[in-house]
Amino acid sequence: MDLLTGKRSRYAPQPTFLYVPELPAIEFFERAEFPWLDAIEEATEDIRAELARVLASDQAGLQPYVAYGDGVPLDQWRELNKSRRWSAYFLWNEGVPQPEHLARCARTAEVLTRAPLCDVPEHGPNGFFSILDARTRIPAHTGVTNARLTVHLPLIVPPGCGFRVGSETREWIPGKAWVFDDTIEHEAWNEANAPRAILIFDIWHPDLSEDERNQVRATIEAVAGYYGAPLKA
């Protein structure tokens, strides 16, 4: 009804790399569709403890999430490019395991094996701790493919943080995960005076069969092999 009355706008998926037709475009998916989230939420304290040890002893492992090279048009990423105001501690980066980080965060790594991670050789999954500095905003953007969905597990959330996907805005609650389609325009902000930290990882869209996943893998490998595009955004 809100769409009909103009109170709510409809946001179409806008993948920057690969669009899979006929997959439902849903901003935030129903929690009940992902029963394996229970095990991940139950491990929140263990995961947060591993993150705390990382922040205390392995700051060098944090890297800017946005890291475009010279000559690449920056558009909305100019302020955050190569900046640790939005940093990542990768467990998997474009499908490549980070052995030292996985060893430091063994419990997190073990728990994530319960999820249907979007595994595409040399492109996925991505799994990382996302640290958003105080008084920092991630501008509106869209992800690379609707074949995958993105999961957030909030860990450290000071007051004044928020997240919008399409026409719906939510606040993170520590220990309460959600799943969303990142090809729909989304943005995040931290208006607090302290960092915000969440665990982010990507999973296969649940409506894709195993045969369809294999087709997606083959398409991504072929196109990315030609253009050299990564499966990260």
Protein backbone atom coordinates (compact mmCIF):
# COMPACT_ATOMS: atom_id res chain seq x y z
CA MET A 1 0.00 0.00 0.00
CA ASP A 2 2.86 2.41 0.78
CA LEU A 3 4.13 1.91 -2.78
CA LEU A 4 0.70 2.79 -4.19
CA THR A 5 0.36 5.91 -2.07
CA GLY A 6 3.87 7.13 -2.78
CA LYS A 7 4.99 6.87 0.84
CA ARG A 8 7.59 4.30 -0.15
CA SER A 9 9.69 4.13 -3.31
CA ARG A 10 10.53 0.93 -5.14
CA TYR A 11 14.23 0.35 -5.65
CA ALA A 12 15.19 -2.03 -8.45
CA PRO A 13 18.35 -4.15 -8.22
CA GLN A 14 21.29 -2.54 -9.98
CA PRO A 15 24.15 -5.05 -10.00
CA THR A 16 27.41 -3.65 -11.28
CA PHE A 17 28.62 -6.96 -12.72
CA LEU A 18 26.11 -9.81 -13.18
CA TYR A 19 22.30 -9.81 -13.14
CA VAL A 20 20.44 -13.11 -12.75
CA PRO A 21 16.87 -12.72 -14.09
CA GLU A 22 13.76 -13.68 -12.12
CA LEU A 23 15.34 -13.72 -8.67
CA PRO A 24 13.09 -11.82 -6.23
CA ALA A 25 14.39 -8.35 -5.41
CA ILE A 26 13.90 -8.07 -1.65
CA GLU A 27 15.52 -5.41 0.49
CA PHE A 28 15.70 -7.34 3.78
CA PHE A 29 14.87 -11.05 3.64
CA GLU A 30 12.75 -12.78 6.25
CA ARG A 31 14.91 -14.12 9.06
CA ALA A 32 13.05 -17.46 9.04
CA GLU A 33 14.41 -18.30 5.58
CA PHE A 34 17.88 -18.81 7.05
CA PRO A 35 17.71 -21.23 10.02
CA TRP A 36 21.52 -21.57 10.08
CA LEU A 37 21.66 -17.98 11.37
CA ASP A 38 20.80 -19.37 14.81
CA ALA A 39 24.26 -20.94 15.18
CA ILE A 40 25.97 -17.75 14.05
CA GLU A 41 23.99 -15.53 16.40
CA GLU A 42 24.64 -17.93 19.28
CA ALA A 43 28.38 -17.48 18.69
CA THR A 44 28.21 -13.68 18.87
CA GLU A 45 30.15 -13.40 22.13
CA ASP A 46 32.94 -15.67 20.84
CA ILE A 47 33.12 -13.76 17.57
CA ARG A 48 33.16 -10.41 19.36
CA ALA A 49 35.97 -11.64 21.63
CA GLU A 50 38.05 -12.62 18.60
CA LEU A 51 37.42 -9.22 17.07
CA ALA A 52 38.50 -7.54 20.31
CA ARG A 53 41.78 -9.46 20.24
CA VAL A 54 42.32 -8.41 16.63
CA LEU A 55 41.72 -4.76 17.45
CA ALA A 56 44.09 -5.01 20.41
CA SER A 57 46.94 -6.88 18.74
CA ASP A 58 46.68 -6.89 14.93
CA GLN A 59 45.86 -3.38 13.75
CA ALA A 60 48.24 -3.95 10.85
CA GLY A 61 45.82 -6.55 9.53
CA LEU A 62 43.15 -3.91 9.00
CA GLN A 63 43.08 -2.41 5.54
CA PRO A 64 40.96 0.19 3.77
CA TYR A 65 37.90 -1.51 2.33
CA VAL A 66 37.79 0.94 -0.57
CA ALA A 67 41.11 0.80 -2.40
CA TYR A 68 40.85 1.94 -6.00
CA GLY A 69 44.06 2.46 -7.94
CA ASP A 70 45.27 5.63 -9.62
CA GLY A 71 43.28 6.67 -12.66
CA VAL A 72 40.05 4.97 -11.61
CA PRO A 73 37.03 7.32 -11.40
CA LEU A 74 36.23 7.61 -7.71
CA ASP A 75 32.77 9.20 -7.81
CA GLN A 76 31.17 8.76 -4.37
CA TRP A 77 34.22 6.89 -3.03
CA ARG A 78 36.63 9.81 -3.17
CA GLU A 79 36.46 10.51 0.58
CA LEU A 80 36.88 6.86 1.65
CA ASN A 81 39.31 5.63 -1.01
CA LYS A 82 42.39 4.16 0.70
CA SER A 83 41.12 5.46 4.03
CA ARG A 84 40.97 3.39 7.21
CA ARG A 85 37.87 5.29 8.25
CA TRP A 86 36.17 2.24 6.73
CA SER A 87 38.49 -0.69 7.24
CA ALA A 88 38.24 -4.44 6.85
CA TYR A 89 39.89 -7.41 8.51
CA PHE A 90 39.48 -10.11 5.88
CA LEU A 91 39.03 -13.79 6.59
CA TRP A 92 38.33 -14.42 2.92
CA ASN A 93 39.04 -11.78 0.31
CA GLU A 94 37.58 -12.40 -3.15
CA GLY A 95 37.62 -16.12 -2.41
CA VAL A 96 41.19 -16.20 -1.14
CA PRO A 97 41.56 -17.42 2.46
CA GLN A 98 43.70 -15.26 4.73
CA PRO A 99 45.48 -17.97 6.78
CA GLU A 100 46.86 -15.79 9.58
CA HIS A 101 43.54 -14.05 10.07
CA LEU A 102 41.62 -17.32 10.00
CA ALA A 103 43.97 -18.72 12.63
CA ARG A 104 43.41 -15.70 14.86
CA CYS A 105 39.65 -15.99 14.41
CA ALA A 106 39.23 -19.76 14.39
CA ARG A 107 35.83 -19.74 16.07
CA THR A 108 34.47 -17.19 13.60
CA ALA A 109 35.83 -19.21 10.70
CA GLU A 110 34.29 -22.41 12.04
CA VAL A 111 30.88 -20.82 12.54
CA LEU A 112 30.83 -19.38 9.03
CA THR A 113 31.16 -22.88 7.56
CA ARG A 114 27.52 -23.36 8.63
CA ALA A 115 26.43 -20.78 6.04
CA PRO A 116 26.03 -21.40 2.28
CA LEU A 117 28.94 -19.12 1.43
CA CYS A 118 29.01 -17.79 -2.13
CA ASP A 119 32.04 -19.76 -3.29
CA VAL A 120 33.33 -18.73 -6.71
CA PRO A 121 37.00 -19.55 -7.35
CA GLU A 122 39.15 -16.40 -7.11
CA HIS A 123 36.06 -14.23 -6.56
CA GLY A 124 34.11 -15.39 -3.52
CA PRO A 125 33.31 -15.65 -0.76
CA ASN A 126 34.13 -12.45 1.02
CA GLY A 127 34.07 -12.56 4.80
CA PHE A 128 35.43 -9.82 7.03
CA PHE A 129 35.08 -7.65 10.08
CA SER A 130 33.92 -4.22 8.94
CA ILE A 131 35.05 -1.30 11.10
CA LEU A 132 33.35 2.04 10.45
CA ASP A 133 35.04 4.92 12.20
CA ALA A 134 33.25 7.52 14.27
CA ARG A 135 31.46 10.26 12.32
CA THR A 136 31.78 8.36 9.04
CA ARG A 137 29.22 7.59 6.33
CA ILE A 138 29.36 4.93 3.63
CA PRO A 139 27.68 6.50 0.59
CA ALA A 140 24.81 4.93 -1.32
CA HIS A 141 26.03 2.20 -3.67
CA THR A 142 25.08 -1.19 -5.13
CA GLY A 143 26.81 -4.56 -5.19
CA VAL A 144 28.06 -6.71 -8.01
CA THR A 145 25.52 -9.53 -8.44
CA ASN A 146 22.10 -10.57 -7.20
CA ALA A 147 23.24 -14.21 -7.26
CA ARG A 148 24.50 -13.57 -3.76
CA LEU A 149 23.05 -11.99 -0.64
CA THR A 150 24.92 -10.21 2.15
CA VAL A 151 24.75 -11.02 5.84
CA HIS A 152 25.49 -8.60 8.69
CA LEU A 153 26.14 -9.78 12.25
CA PRO A 154 26.41 -6.66 14.44
CA LEU A 155 29.10 -6.84 17.12
CA ILE A 156 29.86 -3.32 18.39
CA VAL A 157 27.16 -0.73 17.74
CA PRO A 158 27.27 2.64 19.51
CA PRO A 159 24.17 4.87 19.44
CA GLY A 160 23.76 6.89 16.25
CA CYS A 161 24.43 4.14 13.71
CA GLY A 162 22.06 3.18 10.92
CA PHE A 163 21.69 1.26 7.67
CA ARG A 164 19.37 1.76 4.70
CA VAL A 165 18.54 -0.69 1.94
CA GLY A 166 16.22 0.76 -0.68
CA SER A 167 13.33 2.40 1.16
CA GLU A 168 13.84 0.61 4.50
CA THR A 169 16.11 1.91 7.27
CA ARG A 170 17.16 -0.16 10.27
CA GLU A 171 19.43 0.08 13.28
CA TRP A 172 21.89 -2.72 14.02
CA ILE A 173 21.30 -4.66 17.24
CA PRO A 174 24.34 -6.59 18.53
CA GLY A 175 23.87 -10.31 18.02
CA LYS A 176 20.88 -9.96 15.67
CA ALA A 177 21.81 -10.82 12.08
CA TRP A 178 20.03 -9.81 8.91
CA VAL A 179 20.25 -10.74 5.24
CA PHE A 180 19.80 -8.28 2.38
CA ASP A 181 20.23 -7.90 -1.37
CA ASP A 182 23.19 -5.60 -1.82
CA THR A 183 22.39 -4.92 -5.47
CA ILE A 184 19.63 -2.68 -4.13
CA GLU A 185 20.96 0.76 -3.27
CA HIS A 186 22.20 0.83 0.32
CA GLU A 187 24.20 3.06 2.65
CA ALA A 188 25.45 3.09 6.24
CA TRP A 189 26.42 5.71 8.79
CA ASN A 190 28.02 6.06 12.18
CA GLU A 191 27.23 9.37 13.85
CA ALA A 192 28.66 8.28 17.19
CA ASN A 193 32.04 9.15 18.69
CA ALA A 194 33.18 5.52 18.69
CA PRO A 195 33.72 2.89 15.97
CA ARG A 196 31.03 0.49 14.79
CA ALA A 197 32.03 -3.12 14.04
CA ILE A 198 30.09 -5.88 12.28
CA LEU A 199 30.85 -9.22 10.66
CA ILE A 200 29.96 -9.27 6.95
CA PHE A 201 29.88 -12.26 4.62
CA ASP A 202 28.11 -13.23 1.42
CA ILE A 203 25.94 -16.27 0.70
CA TRP A 204 24.23 -17.77 -2.29
CA HIS A 205 20.76 -16.51 -3.08
CA PRO A 206 18.51 -19.25 -1.66
CA ASP A 207 16.41 -19.47 -4.83
CA LEU A 208 19.38 -20.72 -6.88
CA SER A 209 19.69 -24.47 -7.35
CA GLU A 210 23.11 -26.13 -7.34
CA ASP A 211 23.01 -26.34 -11.15
CA GLU A 212 22.21 -22.63 -11.32
CA ARG A 213 25.04 -21.86 -8.93
CA ASN A 214 27.40 -23.74 -11.22
CA GLN A 215 26.14 -21.70 -14.16
CA VAL A 216 26.75 -18.50 -12.19
CA ARG A 217 30.28 -19.68 -11.32
CA ALA A 218 31.02 -20.43 -14.96
CA THR A 219 29.64 -17.08 -16.12
CA ILE A 220 31.57 -15.11 -13.51
CA GLU A 221 34.81 -16.93 -14.25
CA ALA A 222 34.40 -16.37 -17.99
CA VAL A 223 33.46 -12.70 -17.80
CA ALA A 224 35.90 -11.85 -15.02
CA GLY A 225 38.63 -13.71 -16.84
CA TYR A 226 38.09 -11.41 -19.79
CA TYR A 227 37.58 -8.14 -17.92
CA GLY A 228 39.49 -8.88 -14.73
CA ALA A 229 36.60 -7.81 -12.51
CA PRO A 230 36.50 -8.95 -8.87
CA LEU A 231 33.37 -10.11 -7.05
CA LYS A 232 33.52 -7.46 -4.36
CA ALA A 233 31.74 -4.16 -3.84
